């Protein structure tokens, strides 16, 4: 099966075509943008699809990173994935950002869990813990650095994601035992494609995953807080 994978959740804008039968990347393109995903994604997609013999008709599945991440970025990638799935009559599946970040560390020689952590600014992060085999040990959550360190405790752990250096420092100061820290700013798009290939469309829809607590408060609540 040939999987088309898209990612606009964080700083990267990435597209990949992956052949699962040959375990081979057919074509891939990625750019670290920060913003401007909407302008960059469609031309990038056209260039990658042009390298596939048979074009859209050869694609068996579409995968897209569904968050957590940038609100605007997520909407861009998900909208394109849904439109492409509708036009090509192929299933679309969602892959979480945290699972995609953890994926390259899955199956290592050590039986050590993997904590994926994305910087959400102001000492906050998006967090999820995975077993060494890649099984989710909880759902994606929004935590402070201190809360994440407390949740991990003193267990050995591999850290990955943009918040991993800060979490490594916090863990070390609290007596934790982080084994490694990979400050990846965005998921590896090939890992996204591989996760999309094995995802169950019935339980992995291309719907956005938002876990950050709302910063806005009702006006009445704001008034009470200011007294």
N, C-alpha and C. Protein backbone atom coordinates (compact mmCIF):
# COMPACT_ATOMS: atom_id res chain seq x y z
N UNK A 1 0.84 -1.20 0.00
CA UNK A 1 0.00 0.00 0.00
C UNK A 1 0.88 1.25 0.00
N UNK A 2 0.47 2.25 -0.76
CA UNK A 2 1.17 3.53 -0.78
C UNK A 2 0.40 4.51 0.10
N UNK A 3 1.10 5.08 1.05
CA UNK A 3 0.50 6.01 2.01
C UNK A 3 1.00 7.42 1.72
N UNK A 4 0.06 8.35 1.66
CA UNK A 4 0.39 9.77 1.58
C UNK A 4 0.29 10.36 2.98
N UNK A 5 1.36 10.94 3.48
CA UNK A 5 1.37 11.52 4.82
C UNK A 5 1.59 13.02 4.76
N UNK A 6 0.84 13.75 5.60
CA UNK A 6 0.92 15.20 5.66
C UNK A 6 1.14 15.64 7.09
N UNK A 7 1.94 16.70 7.27
CA UNK A 7 2.13 17.25 8.60
C UNK A 7 2.30 18.76 8.54
N UNK A 8 1.40 19.47 9.21
CA UNK A 8 1.51 20.92 9.36
C UNK A 8 1.22 21.32 10.80
N UNK A 9 1.38 20.39 11.74
CA UNK A 9 0.94 20.62 13.12
C UNK A 9 1.85 21.58 13.89
N UNK A 10 3.16 21.54 13.60
CA UNK A 10 4.10 22.36 14.36
C UNK A 10 4.86 23.28 13.40
N UNK A 11 6.17 23.32 13.51
CA UNK A 11 6.96 24.25 12.69
C UNK A 11 7.18 23.74 11.27
N UNK A 12 7.07 22.44 11.06
CA UNK A 12 7.35 21.87 9.75
C UNK A 12 6.12 21.79 8.87
N UNK A 13 6.37 21.87 7.57
CA UNK A 13 5.36 21.55 6.57
C UNK A 13 5.94 20.39 5.77
N UNK A 14 5.33 19.21 5.86
CA UNK A 14 5.93 18.00 5.30
C UNK A 14 4.93 17.16 4.55
N UNK A 15 5.42 16.52 3.48
CA UNK A 15 4.61 15.60 2.68
C UNK A 15 5.48 14.39 2.36
N UNK A 16 4.90 13.20 2.40
CA UNK A 16 5.66 11.99 2.11
C UNK A 16 4.78 10.96 1.42
N UNK A 17 5.34 10.24 0.49
CA UNK A 17 4.72 9.07 -0.11
C UNK A 17 5.56 7.87 0.29
N UNK A 18 4.91 6.89 0.95
CA UNK A 18 5.64 5.74 1.47
C UNK A 18 5.01 4.46 0.98
N UNK A 19 5.84 3.55 0.44
CA UNK A 19 5.38 2.26 -0.05
C UNK A 19 5.59 1.23 1.06
N UNK A 20 4.51 0.75 1.66
CA UNK A 20 4.64 -0.16 2.79
C UNK A 20 5.13 -1.54 2.37
N UNK A 21 4.82 -1.98 1.17
CA UNK A 21 5.25 -3.30 0.72
C UNK A 21 6.76 -3.37 0.53
N UNK A 22 7.33 -2.29 0.02
CA UNK A 22 8.78 -2.26 -0.19
C UNK A 22 9.51 -1.57 0.95
N UNK A 23 8.76 -1.07 1.95
CA UNK A 23 9.35 -0.33 3.06
C UNK A 23 10.29 0.76 2.53
N UNK A 24 9.74 1.57 1.63
CA UNK A 24 10.56 2.53 0.91
C UNK A 24 9.83 3.86 0.73
N UNK A 25 10.58 4.94 0.90
CA UNK A 25 10.05 6.28 0.63
C UNK A 25 10.09 6.52 -0.88
N UNK A 26 8.95 6.83 -1.45
CA UNK A 26 8.89 7.12 -2.88
C UNK A 26 9.30 8.56 -3.14
N UNK A 27 8.76 9.47 -2.34
CA UNK A 27 9.09 10.89 -2.48
C UNK A 27 8.74 11.58 -1.17
N UNK A 28 9.51 12.58 -0.82
CA UNK A 28 9.28 13.30 0.43
C UNK A 28 9.82 14.71 0.32
N UNK A 29 9.14 15.63 0.96
CA UNK A 29 9.60 17.02 0.99
C UNK A 29 9.18 17.65 2.31
N UNK A 30 10.06 18.45 2.89
CA UNK A 30 9.76 19.07 4.17
C UNK A 30 10.47 20.41 4.27
N UNK A 31 9.83 21.35 4.95
CA UNK A 31 10.42 22.67 5.18
C UNK A 31 10.02 23.16 6.56
N UNK A 32 10.98 23.73 7.28
CA UNK A 32 10.71 24.30 8.59
C UNK A 32 10.26 25.74 8.38
N UNK A 33 8.99 25.99 8.63
CA UNK A 33 8.39 27.27 8.29
C UNK A 33 8.04 28.12 9.50
N UNK A 34 7.52 27.52 10.53
CA UNK A 34 6.98 28.30 11.64
C UNK A 34 5.56 28.74 11.33
N UNK A 35 5.38 29.42 10.20
CA UNK A 35 4.06 29.81 9.73
C UNK A 35 4.07 29.83 8.21
N UNK A 36 2.90 30.01 7.61
CA UNK A 36 2.80 29.99 6.15
C UNK A 36 2.55 28.61 5.59
N UNK A 37 2.03 27.69 6.43
CA UNK A 37 1.77 26.33 5.97
C UNK A 37 0.75 26.28 4.83
N UNK A 38 -0.26 27.13 4.91
CA UNK A 38 -1.33 27.10 3.91
C UNK A 38 -0.78 27.41 2.52
N UNK A 39 0.16 28.34 2.45
CA UNK A 39 0.74 28.71 1.16
C UNK A 39 1.71 27.65 0.65
N UNK A 40 2.36 26.95 1.56
CA UNK A 40 3.41 26.01 1.16
C UNK A 40 2.91 24.59 0.88
N UNK A 41 1.83 24.17 1.54
CA UNK A 41 1.45 22.77 1.49
C UNK A 41 1.00 22.30 0.11
N UNK A 42 0.10 23.02 -0.53
CA UNK A 42 -0.43 22.53 -1.81
C UNK A 42 0.63 22.43 -2.90
N UNK A 43 1.50 23.44 -3.10
CA UNK A 43 2.58 23.28 -4.08
C UNK A 43 3.51 22.11 -3.74
N UNK A 44 3.80 21.93 -2.45
CA UNK A 44 4.64 20.81 -2.01
C UNK A 44 3.96 19.49 -2.34
N UNK A 45 2.67 19.41 -2.08
CA UNK A 45 1.90 18.20 -2.35
C UNK A 45 1.91 17.88 -3.85
N UNK A 46 1.73 18.88 -4.68
CA UNK A 46 1.73 18.67 -6.13
C UNK A 46 3.08 18.13 -6.60
N UNK A 47 4.17 18.69 -6.07
CA UNK A 47 5.50 18.22 -6.48
C UNK A 47 5.74 16.76 -6.08
N UNK A 48 5.30 16.40 -4.90
CA UNK A 48 5.50 15.03 -4.44
C UNK A 48 4.64 14.04 -5.22
N UNK A 49 3.37 14.38 -5.43
CA UNK A 49 2.47 13.49 -6.18
C UNK A 49 2.97 13.31 -7.61
N UNK A 50 3.59 14.33 -8.18
CA UNK A 50 4.08 14.25 -9.56
C UNK A 50 5.16 13.17 -9.72
N UNK A 51 5.78 12.77 -8.61
CA UNK A 51 6.83 11.75 -8.66
C UNK A 51 6.28 10.33 -8.50
N UNK A 52 4.98 10.21 -8.35
CA UNK A 52 4.36 8.90 -8.15
C UNK A 52 3.74 8.39 -9.44
N UNK A 53 4.18 7.25 -9.90
CA UNK A 53 3.60 6.65 -11.09
C UNK A 53 2.14 6.28 -10.81
N UNK A 54 1.26 6.79 -11.60
CA UNK A 54 -0.16 6.56 -11.40
C UNK A 54 -0.85 7.68 -10.65
N UNK A 55 -0.05 8.58 -10.06
CA UNK A 55 -0.62 9.74 -9.38
C UNK A 55 -1.56 9.35 -8.25
N UNK A 56 -2.62 10.10 -8.11
CA UNK A 56 -3.56 9.91 -7.00
C UNK A 56 -4.18 8.52 -7.00
N UNK A 57 -4.35 7.92 -8.18
CA UNK A 57 -4.99 6.60 -8.24
C UNK A 57 -4.15 5.51 -7.59
N UNK A 58 -2.86 5.75 -7.40
CA UNK A 58 -1.98 4.75 -6.81
C UNK A 58 -1.96 4.81 -5.28
N UNK A 59 -2.53 5.85 -4.70
CA UNK A 59 -2.50 6.03 -3.25
C UNK A 59 -3.57 5.17 -2.59
N UNK A 60 -3.20 4.46 -1.52
CA UNK A 60 -4.15 3.61 -0.84
C UNK A 60 -4.73 4.21 0.42
N UNK A 61 -4.02 5.16 1.01
CA UNK A 61 -4.45 5.76 2.28
C UNK A 61 -3.77 7.10 2.47
N UNK A 62 -4.47 7.99 3.19
CA UNK A 62 -3.93 9.31 3.50
C UNK A 62 -3.84 9.45 5.02
N UNK A 63 -2.68 9.86 5.50
CA UNK A 63 -2.49 10.09 6.93
C UNK A 63 -2.12 11.52 7.19
N UNK A 64 -2.59 12.07 8.30
CA UNK A 64 -2.31 13.47 8.62
C UNK A 64 -2.09 13.60 10.12
N UNK A 65 -1.15 14.46 10.50
CA UNK A 65 -0.90 14.72 11.92
C UNK A 65 -2.03 15.61 12.45
N UNK A 66 -2.67 15.17 13.54
CA UNK A 66 -3.88 15.83 14.02
C UNK A 66 -3.70 16.59 15.33
N UNK A 67 -2.48 16.68 15.83
CA UNK A 67 -2.24 17.46 17.03
C UNK A 67 -1.91 16.58 18.22
N UNK A 68 -1.61 17.24 19.32
CA UNK A 68 -1.69 18.69 19.55
C UNK A 68 -0.64 19.47 18.76
N UNK A 69 -0.92 20.75 18.61
CA UNK A 69 -0.03 21.62 17.85
C UNK A 69 -0.66 22.98 17.64
N UNK A 70 -0.19 23.65 16.60
CA UNK A 70 -0.71 24.97 16.26
C UNK A 70 -2.14 24.86 15.74
N UNK A 71 -3.02 25.67 16.28
CA UNK A 71 -4.43 25.64 15.87
C UNK A 71 -4.56 25.86 14.36
N UNK A 72 -3.89 26.88 13.84
CA UNK A 72 -3.99 27.20 12.42
C UNK A 72 -3.33 26.12 11.58
N UNK A 73 -2.15 25.67 12.00
CA UNK A 73 -1.44 24.64 11.25
C UNK A 73 -2.23 23.36 11.16
N UNK A 74 -2.84 22.94 12.26
CA UNK A 74 -3.63 21.71 12.26
C UNK A 74 -4.78 21.80 11.26
N UNK A 75 -5.45 22.93 11.24
CA UNK A 75 -6.60 23.09 10.35
C UNK A 75 -6.18 22.98 8.89
N UNK A 76 -5.00 23.50 8.56
CA UNK A 76 -4.51 23.44 7.18
C UNK A 76 -4.30 22.00 6.74
N UNK A 77 -3.53 21.25 7.51
CA UNK A 77 -3.23 19.88 7.13
C UNK A 77 -4.45 18.99 7.11
N UNK A 78 -5.29 19.12 8.11
CA UNK A 78 -6.48 18.28 8.19
C UNK A 78 -7.46 18.59 7.06
N UNK A 79 -7.63 19.86 6.74
CA UNK A 79 -8.53 20.23 5.65
C UNK A 79 -8.06 19.66 4.32
N UNK A 80 -6.75 19.72 4.07
CA UNK A 80 -6.21 19.18 2.82
C UNK A 80 -6.35 17.66 2.80
N UNK A 81 -6.09 17.00 3.91
CA UNK A 81 -6.20 15.54 3.97
C UNK A 81 -7.65 15.10 3.73
N UNK A 82 -8.59 15.79 4.35
CA UNK A 82 -10.00 15.43 4.16
C UNK A 82 -10.43 15.65 2.72
N UNK A 83 -10.01 16.77 2.13
CA UNK A 83 -10.38 17.06 0.75
C UNK A 83 -9.77 16.03 -0.20
N UNK A 84 -8.51 15.67 0.05
CA UNK A 84 -7.84 14.69 -0.79
C UNK A 84 -8.51 13.32 -0.67
N UNK A 85 -8.92 12.97 0.54
CA UNK A 85 -9.58 11.68 0.75
C UNK A 85 -10.93 11.64 0.03
N UNK A 86 -11.64 12.74 0.09
CA UNK A 86 -12.95 12.82 -0.57
C UNK A 86 -12.80 12.73 -2.08
N UNK A 87 -11.82 13.46 -2.62
CA UNK A 87 -11.63 13.50 -4.07
C UNK A 87 -11.10 12.17 -4.62
N UNK A 88 -10.23 11.52 -3.86
CA UNK A 88 -9.60 10.28 -4.33
C UNK A 88 -10.36 9.03 -3.89
N UNK A 89 -11.37 9.22 -3.02
CA UNK A 89 -12.14 8.10 -2.48
C UNK A 89 -11.24 7.10 -1.76
N UNK A 90 -10.30 7.64 -0.99
CA UNK A 90 -9.40 6.84 -0.18
C UNK A 90 -9.63 7.19 1.29
N UNK A 91 -9.40 6.27 2.21
CA UNK A 91 -9.58 6.58 3.63
C UNK A 91 -8.50 7.52 4.14
N UNK A 92 -8.88 8.37 5.07
CA UNK A 92 -7.92 9.27 5.74
C UNK A 92 -7.90 8.91 7.23
N UNK A 93 -6.71 8.92 7.80
CA UNK A 93 -6.56 8.61 9.22
C UNK A 93 -5.74 9.70 9.89
N UNK A 94 -5.95 9.84 11.20
CA UNK A 94 -5.21 10.82 11.97
C UNK A 94 -4.12 10.16 12.79
N UNK A 95 -2.97 10.83 12.89
CA UNK A 95 -1.84 10.40 13.70
C UNK A 95 -1.52 11.52 14.67
N UNK A 96 -1.45 11.25 15.96
CA UNK A 96 -1.17 12.32 16.90
C UNK A 96 0.29 12.75 16.81
N UNK A 97 0.52 14.02 17.09
CA UNK A 97 1.87 14.57 17.04
C UNK A 97 2.80 13.86 18.01
N UNK A 98 2.29 13.57 19.21
CA UNK A 98 3.11 12.95 20.24
C UNK A 98 3.50 11.52 19.88
N UNK A 99 2.58 10.76 19.31
CA UNK A 99 2.90 9.41 18.87
C UNK A 99 3.93 9.43 17.75
N UNK A 100 3.80 10.38 16.84
CA UNK A 100 4.76 10.49 15.74
C UNK A 100 6.14 10.88 16.24
N UNK A 101 6.21 11.74 17.24
CA UNK A 101 7.51 12.11 17.81
C UNK A 101 8.17 10.92 18.49
N UNK A 102 7.38 10.12 19.18
CA UNK A 102 7.92 8.97 19.92
C UNK A 102 8.32 7.82 18.99
N UNK A 103 7.72 7.73 17.82
CA UNK A 103 7.86 6.56 16.95
C UNK A 103 9.31 6.17 16.64
N UNK A 104 10.21 7.10 16.32
CA UNK A 104 11.58 6.68 16.00
C UNK A 104 12.31 6.00 17.15
N UNK A 105 11.86 6.20 18.39
CA UNK A 105 12.51 5.59 19.55
C UNK A 105 11.91 4.24 19.92
N UNK A 106 10.80 3.90 19.29
CA UNK A 106 10.13 2.64 19.63
C UNK A 106 10.96 1.45 19.16
N UNK A 107 10.99 0.41 20.01
CA UNK A 107 11.69 -0.80 19.63
C UNK A 107 13.19 -0.77 19.88
N UNK A 108 13.64 0.15 20.73
CA UNK A 108 15.05 0.20 21.08
C UNK A 108 15.47 -1.00 21.90
N UNK A 109 16.75 -1.06 22.18
CA UNK A 109 17.28 -2.22 22.91
C UNK A 109 16.93 -2.18 24.39
N UNK A 110 16.62 -0.99 24.90
CA UNK A 110 16.31 -0.87 26.32
C UNK A 110 14.80 -0.87 26.54
N UNK A 111 14.38 -1.48 27.63
CA UNK A 111 12.96 -1.49 27.99
C UNK A 111 12.67 -0.24 28.82
N UNK A 112 12.74 0.91 28.14
CA UNK A 112 12.61 2.20 28.80
C UNK A 112 11.46 2.97 28.14
N UNK A 113 10.52 3.52 28.91
CA UNK A 113 9.42 4.27 28.31
C UNK A 113 9.90 5.54 27.61
N UNK A 114 9.02 6.07 26.77
CA UNK A 114 9.32 7.25 25.97
C UNK A 114 8.32 8.34 26.32
N UNK A 115 8.80 9.50 26.70
CA UNK A 115 7.93 10.63 26.99
C UNK A 115 8.08 11.67 25.88
N UNK A 116 6.98 11.93 25.17
CA UNK A 116 6.98 12.96 24.13
C UNK A 116 6.43 14.25 24.74
N UNK A 117 7.15 15.34 24.53
CA UNK A 117 6.79 16.61 25.17
C UNK A 117 6.99 17.76 24.19
N UNK A 118 5.93 18.49 23.93
CA UNK A 118 5.97 19.63 23.00
C UNK A 118 5.85 20.93 23.81
N UNK A 119 6.72 21.87 23.54
CA UNK A 119 6.71 23.16 24.23
C UNK A 119 5.41 23.91 23.92
N UNK A 120 4.65 24.22 24.95
CA UNK A 120 3.41 25.00 24.81
C UNK A 120 3.56 26.39 25.39
N UNK A 121 4.80 26.81 25.65
CA UNK A 121 5.18 28.15 26.13
C UNK A 121 4.77 28.39 27.58
N UNK A 122 5.48 29.34 28.17
CA UNK A 122 5.21 29.77 29.55
C UNK A 122 5.32 28.62 30.56
N UNK A 123 6.29 27.71 30.32
CA UNK A 123 6.48 26.61 31.26
C UNK A 123 5.48 25.49 31.14
N UNK A 124 4.71 25.48 30.07
CA UNK A 124 3.70 24.44 29.85
C UNK A 124 4.13 23.53 28.69
N UNK A 125 3.56 22.35 28.64
CA UNK A 125 3.89 21.44 27.55
C UNK A 125 2.72 20.49 27.28
N UNK A 126 2.72 19.95 26.06
CA UNK A 126 1.82 18.86 25.71
C UNK A 126 2.60 17.57 25.94
N UNK A 127 1.99 16.61 26.59
CA UNK A 127 2.75 15.47 27.09
C UNK A 127 1.99 14.17 26.88
N UNK A 128 2.75 13.11 26.57
CA UNK A 128 2.19 11.76 26.54
C UNK A 128 3.31 10.76 26.74
N UNK A 129 3.02 9.72 27.49
CA UNK A 129 4.01 8.69 27.78
C UNK A 129 3.68 7.42 27.00
N UNK A 130 4.73 6.78 26.47
CA UNK A 130 4.58 5.56 25.69
C UNK A 130 5.51 4.49 26.24
N UNK A 131 5.11 3.22 26.09
CA UNK A 131 5.98 2.12 26.47
C UNK A 131 7.11 2.02 25.46
N UNK A 132 8.11 1.20 25.76
CA UNK A 132 9.23 1.00 24.84
C UNK A 132 8.75 0.40 23.52
N UNK A 133 7.59 -0.28 23.54
CA UNK A 133 7.03 -0.89 22.32
C UNK A 133 6.08 0.06 21.59
N UNK A 134 5.89 1.26 22.13
CA UNK A 134 5.06 2.25 21.45
C UNK A 134 3.62 2.30 21.90
N UNK A 135 3.25 1.52 22.93
CA UNK A 135 1.87 1.55 23.42
C UNK A 135 1.65 2.79 24.27
N UNK A 136 0.56 3.52 24.01
CA UNK A 136 0.26 4.73 24.75
C UNK A 136 -0.05 4.39 26.21
N UNK A 137 0.61 5.07 27.12
CA UNK A 137 0.38 4.89 28.56
C UNK A 137 -0.37 6.11 29.09
N UNK A 138 -1.54 6.34 28.54
CA UNK A 138 -2.31 7.52 28.88
C UNK A 138 -2.59 8.33 27.63
N UNK A 139 -3.43 9.33 27.78
CA UNK A 139 -3.84 10.19 26.67
C UNK A 139 -2.99 11.45 26.64
N UNK A 140 -2.96 12.18 25.51
CA UNK A 140 -2.26 13.46 25.47
C UNK A 140 -2.86 14.44 26.48
N UNK A 141 -1.99 15.13 27.22
CA UNK A 141 -2.45 16.08 28.23
C UNK A 141 -1.60 17.34 28.18
N UNK A 142 -2.13 18.41 28.74
CA UNK A 142 -1.39 19.67 28.89
C UNK A 142 -0.96 19.78 30.35
N UNK A 143 0.35 19.91 30.58
CA UNK A 143 0.89 19.96 31.93
C UNK A 143 1.93 21.07 32.04
N UNK A 144 2.25 21.43 33.27
CA UNK A 144 3.42 22.26 33.49
C UNK A 144 4.65 21.35 33.53
N UNK A 145 5.82 21.94 33.46
CA UNK A 145 7.05 21.16 33.55
C UNK A 145 7.10 20.39 34.87
N UNK A 146 6.72 21.05 35.95
CA UNK A 146 6.76 20.41 37.27
C UNK A 146 5.79 19.24 37.33
N UNK A 147 4.61 19.40 36.75
CA UNK A 147 3.63 18.32 36.75
C UNK A 147 4.11 17.12 35.94
N UNK A 148 4.73 17.39 34.80
CA UNK A 148 5.25 16.30 33.96
C UNK A 148 6.37 15.57 34.69
N UNK A 149 7.26 16.32 35.34
CA UNK A 149 8.35 15.70 36.08
C UNK A 149 7.81 14.84 37.22
N UNK A 150 6.79 15.35 37.89
CA UNK A 150 6.19 14.58 38.99
C UNK A 150 5.55 13.31 38.47
N UNK A 151 4.91 13.39 37.31
CA UNK A 151 4.25 12.21 36.74
C UNK A 151 5.27 11.14 36.36
N UNK A 152 6.43 11.56 35.87
CA UNK A 152 7.46 10.61 35.48
C UNK A 152 8.20 10.04 36.68
N UNK A 153 8.35 10.84 37.72
CA UNK A 153 9.03 10.36 38.92
C UNK A 153 10.48 10.03 38.68
N UNK A 154 10.96 8.97 39.30
CA UNK A 154 12.37 8.60 39.24
C UNK A 154 12.65 7.51 38.22
N UNK A 155 11.67 7.11 37.44
CA UNK A 155 11.87 6.03 36.47
C UNK A 155 12.79 6.49 35.34
N UNK A 156 13.59 5.60 34.78
CA UNK A 156 14.36 5.94 33.57
C UNK A 156 13.40 6.24 32.43
N UNK A 157 13.73 7.19 31.59
CA UNK A 157 12.83 7.57 30.51
C UNK A 157 13.62 8.24 29.39
N UNK A 158 13.19 8.00 28.17
CA UNK A 158 13.72 8.73 27.01
C UNK A 158 12.77 9.88 26.73
N UNK A 159 13.31 11.06 26.48
CA UNK A 159 12.52 12.25 26.21
C UNK A 159 12.68 12.66 24.75
N UNK A 160 11.59 13.11 24.13
CA UNK A 160 11.66 13.57 22.76
C UNK A 160 10.66 14.70 22.57
N UNK A 161 11.00 15.66 21.71
CA UNK A 161 10.12 16.79 21.45
C UNK A 161 10.76 18.10 21.84
N UNK A 162 10.14 19.19 21.44
CA UNK A 162 10.73 20.51 21.65
C UNK A 162 10.86 20.89 23.11
N UNK A 163 10.04 20.28 23.99
CA UNK A 163 10.12 20.59 25.42
C UNK A 163 11.04 19.62 26.16
N UNK A 164 11.68 18.69 25.45
CA UNK A 164 12.48 17.68 26.14
C UNK A 164 13.71 18.25 26.85
N UNK A 165 14.42 19.27 26.33
CA UNK A 165 15.55 19.81 27.09
C UNK A 165 15.12 20.41 28.43
N UNK A 166 14.03 21.18 28.42
CA UNK A 166 13.55 21.78 29.67
C UNK A 166 13.06 20.71 30.63
N UNK A 167 12.39 19.69 30.11
CA UNK A 167 11.90 18.61 30.97
C UNK A 167 13.07 17.79 31.51
N UNK A 168 14.09 17.59 30.71
CA UNK A 168 15.29 16.87 31.15
C UNK A 168 15.92 17.58 32.35
N UNK A 169 16.03 18.91 32.23
CA UNK A 169 16.61 19.69 33.33
C UNK A 169 15.76 19.62 34.58
N UNK A 170 14.45 19.78 34.41
CA UNK A 170 13.54 19.73 35.56
C UNK A 170 13.56 18.36 36.22
N UNK A 171 13.56 17.31 35.41
CA UNK A 171 13.61 15.95 35.94
C UNK A 171 14.91 15.69 36.71
N UNK A 172 16.02 16.11 36.14
CA UNK A 172 17.31 15.89 36.79
C UNK A 172 17.39 16.59 38.13
N UNK A 173 16.88 17.81 38.19
CA UNK A 173 16.90 18.57 39.45
C UNK A 173 15.99 17.93 40.50
N UNK A 174 14.94 17.24 40.04
CA UNK A 174 13.99 16.63 40.97
C UNK A 174 14.38 15.20 41.34
N UNK A 175 15.54 14.74 40.88
CA UNK A 175 15.99 13.40 41.22
C UNK A 175 15.54 12.34 40.25
N UNK A 176 15.04 12.73 39.08
CA UNK A 176 14.62 11.77 38.07
C UNK A 176 15.81 11.16 37.35
N UNK A 177 15.52 10.27 36.39
CA UNK A 177 16.59 9.57 35.69
C UNK A 177 16.38 9.57 34.18
N UNK A 178 16.34 10.75 33.55
CA UNK A 178 16.19 10.77 32.09
C UNK A 178 17.40 10.14 31.41
N UNK A 179 17.15 9.26 30.45
CA UNK A 179 18.23 8.55 29.75
C UNK A 179 18.75 9.34 28.56
N UNK A 180 17.85 10.08 27.90
CA UNK A 180 18.24 10.82 26.70
C UNK A 180 17.24 11.92 26.44
N UNK A 181 17.62 12.86 25.60
CA UNK A 181 16.74 13.97 25.24
C UNK A 181 16.96 14.32 23.78
N UNK A 182 15.91 14.18 22.97
CA UNK A 182 15.97 14.52 21.55
C UNK A 182 15.04 15.71 21.31
N UNK A 183 15.59 16.89 21.10
CA UNK A 183 14.75 18.10 20.98
C UNK A 183 14.15 18.29 19.60
N UNK A 184 13.54 17.25 19.05
CA UNK A 184 12.94 17.35 17.71
C UNK A 184 11.82 18.39 17.71
N UNK A 185 11.89 19.30 16.75
CA UNK A 185 10.88 20.36 16.67
C UNK A 185 9.62 19.91 15.97
N UNK A 186 9.69 18.82 15.22
CA UNK A 186 8.53 18.31 14.48
C UNK A 186 8.71 16.82 14.25
N UNK A 187 7.63 16.10 14.02
CA UNK A 187 7.73 14.66 13.77
C UNK A 187 8.46 14.35 12.47
N UNK A 188 9.05 13.17 12.43
CA UNK A 188 9.62 12.64 11.19
C UNK A 188 8.46 12.20 10.30
N UNK A 189 8.39 12.74 9.10
CA UNK A 189 7.23 12.49 8.25
C UNK A 189 7.15 11.03 7.81
N UNK A 190 8.28 10.33 7.73
CA UNK A 190 8.24 8.91 7.40
C UNK A 190 7.59 8.12 8.54
N UNK A 191 7.88 8.51 9.77
CA UNK A 191 7.23 7.87 10.92
C UNK A 191 5.72 8.10 10.88
N UNK A 192 5.31 9.29 10.46
CA UNK A 192 3.88 9.58 10.32
C UNK A 192 3.25 8.63 9.32
N UNK A 193 3.92 8.43 8.19
CA UNK A 193 3.39 7.54 7.15
C UNK A 193 3.28 6.11 7.66
N UNK A 194 4.28 5.63 8.40
CA UNK A 194 4.26 4.26 8.91
C UNK A 194 3.15 4.08 9.95
N UNK A 195 2.96 5.08 10.80
CA UNK A 195 1.87 4.99 11.78
C UNK A 195 0.51 5.03 11.09
N UNK A 196 0.39 5.85 10.06
CA UNK A 196 -0.87 5.93 9.32
C UNK A 196 -1.19 4.62 8.63
N UNK A 197 -0.16 3.90 8.19
CA UNK A 197 -0.37 2.65 7.48
C UNK A 197 -1.03 1.59 8.35
N UNK A 198 -0.75 1.61 9.65
CA UNK A 198 -1.28 0.58 10.54
C UNK A 198 -2.45 1.08 11.40
N UNK A 199 -2.81 2.35 11.25
CA UNK A 199 -3.90 2.91 12.05
C UNK A 199 -5.25 2.34 11.59
N UNK A 200 -6.15 2.20 12.54
CA UNK A 200 -7.51 1.74 12.25
C UNK A 200 -8.37 2.97 11.94
N UNK A 201 -8.86 3.10 10.71
CA UNK A 201 -9.66 4.28 10.35
C UNK A 201 -10.88 4.49 11.24
N UNK A 202 -11.38 3.41 11.85
CA UNK A 202 -12.58 3.52 12.68
C UNK A 202 -12.30 4.24 13.99
N UNK A 203 -11.07 4.17 14.47
CA UNK A 203 -10.74 4.80 15.76
C UNK A 203 -9.69 5.88 15.63
N UNK A 204 -9.23 6.15 14.41
CA UNK A 204 -8.22 7.19 14.18
C UNK A 204 -8.67 8.14 13.09
N UNK A 205 -9.76 8.86 13.30
CA UNK A 205 -10.27 9.76 12.27
C UNK A 205 -9.35 10.98 12.11
N UNK A 206 -9.42 11.66 10.98
CA UNK A 206 -8.62 12.87 10.77
C UNK A 206 -9.25 14.08 11.44
N UNK A 207 -9.43 13.99 12.75
CA UNK A 207 -10.03 15.07 13.53
C UNK A 207 -8.97 15.71 14.43
N UNK A 208 -9.03 17.03 14.62
CA UNK A 208 -8.00 17.70 15.42
C UNK A 208 -8.02 17.27 16.88
N UNK A 209 -6.83 17.17 17.47
CA UNK A 209 -6.67 16.86 18.89
C UNK A 209 -6.20 18.13 19.59
N UNK A 210 -7.07 18.71 20.40
CA UNK A 210 -6.75 19.91 21.17
C UNK A 210 -6.70 19.53 22.65
N UNK A 211 -5.58 19.78 23.31
CA UNK A 211 -5.50 19.44 24.73
C UNK A 211 -5.12 20.62 25.61
N UNK A 212 -4.77 21.75 25.02
CA UNK A 212 -4.38 22.90 25.83
C UNK A 212 -5.60 23.52 26.51
N UNK A 213 -5.54 23.75 27.82
CA UNK A 213 -6.67 24.39 28.49
C UNK A 213 -6.94 25.77 27.89
N UNK A 214 -8.21 26.12 27.80
CA UNK A 214 -8.58 27.42 27.25
C UNK A 214 -8.01 28.54 28.10
N UNK A 215 -7.40 29.53 27.44
CA UNK A 215 -6.84 30.67 28.16
C UNK A 215 -7.87 31.76 28.37
N UNK A 216 -8.88 31.79 27.50
CA UNK A 216 -9.91 32.81 27.63
C UNK A 216 -10.89 32.43 28.74
N UNK A 217 -11.37 33.42 29.49
CA UNK A 217 -12.35 33.18 30.55
C UNK A 217 -13.57 34.05 30.33
N UNK A 218 -14.73 33.60 30.78
CA UNK A 218 -15.93 34.44 30.66
C UNK A 218 -15.71 35.79 31.34
N UNK A 219 -16.36 36.81 30.83
CA UNK A 219 -16.20 38.15 31.37
C UNK A 219 -16.57 38.22 32.84
N UNK A 220 -17.63 37.49 33.23
CA UNK A 220 -18.05 37.52 34.63
C UNK A 220 -16.97 36.94 35.53
N UNK A 221 -16.33 35.86 35.05
CA UNK A 221 -15.27 35.24 35.83
C UNK A 221 -14.07 36.18 35.94
N UNK A 222 -13.75 36.88 34.85
CA UNK A 222 -12.65 37.82 34.87
C UNK A 222 -12.91 38.94 35.86
N UNK A 223 -14.16 39.37 35.91
CA UNK A 223 -14.50 40.45 36.83
C UNK A 223 -14.36 40.03 38.27
N UNK A 224 -14.75 38.79 38.59
CA UNK A 224 -14.61 38.29 39.95
C UNK A 224 -13.15 38.14 40.33
N UNK A 225 -12.31 37.73 39.36
CA UNK A 225 -10.90 37.53 39.65
C UNK A 225 -10.17 38.85 39.90
N UNK A 226 -10.67 39.94 39.31
CA UNK A 226 -10.00 41.23 39.43
C UNK A 226 -10.36 41.97 40.72
N UNK A 227 -11.35 41.45 41.48
CA UNK A 227 -11.78 42.15 42.69
C UNK A 227 -10.77 41.91 43.84
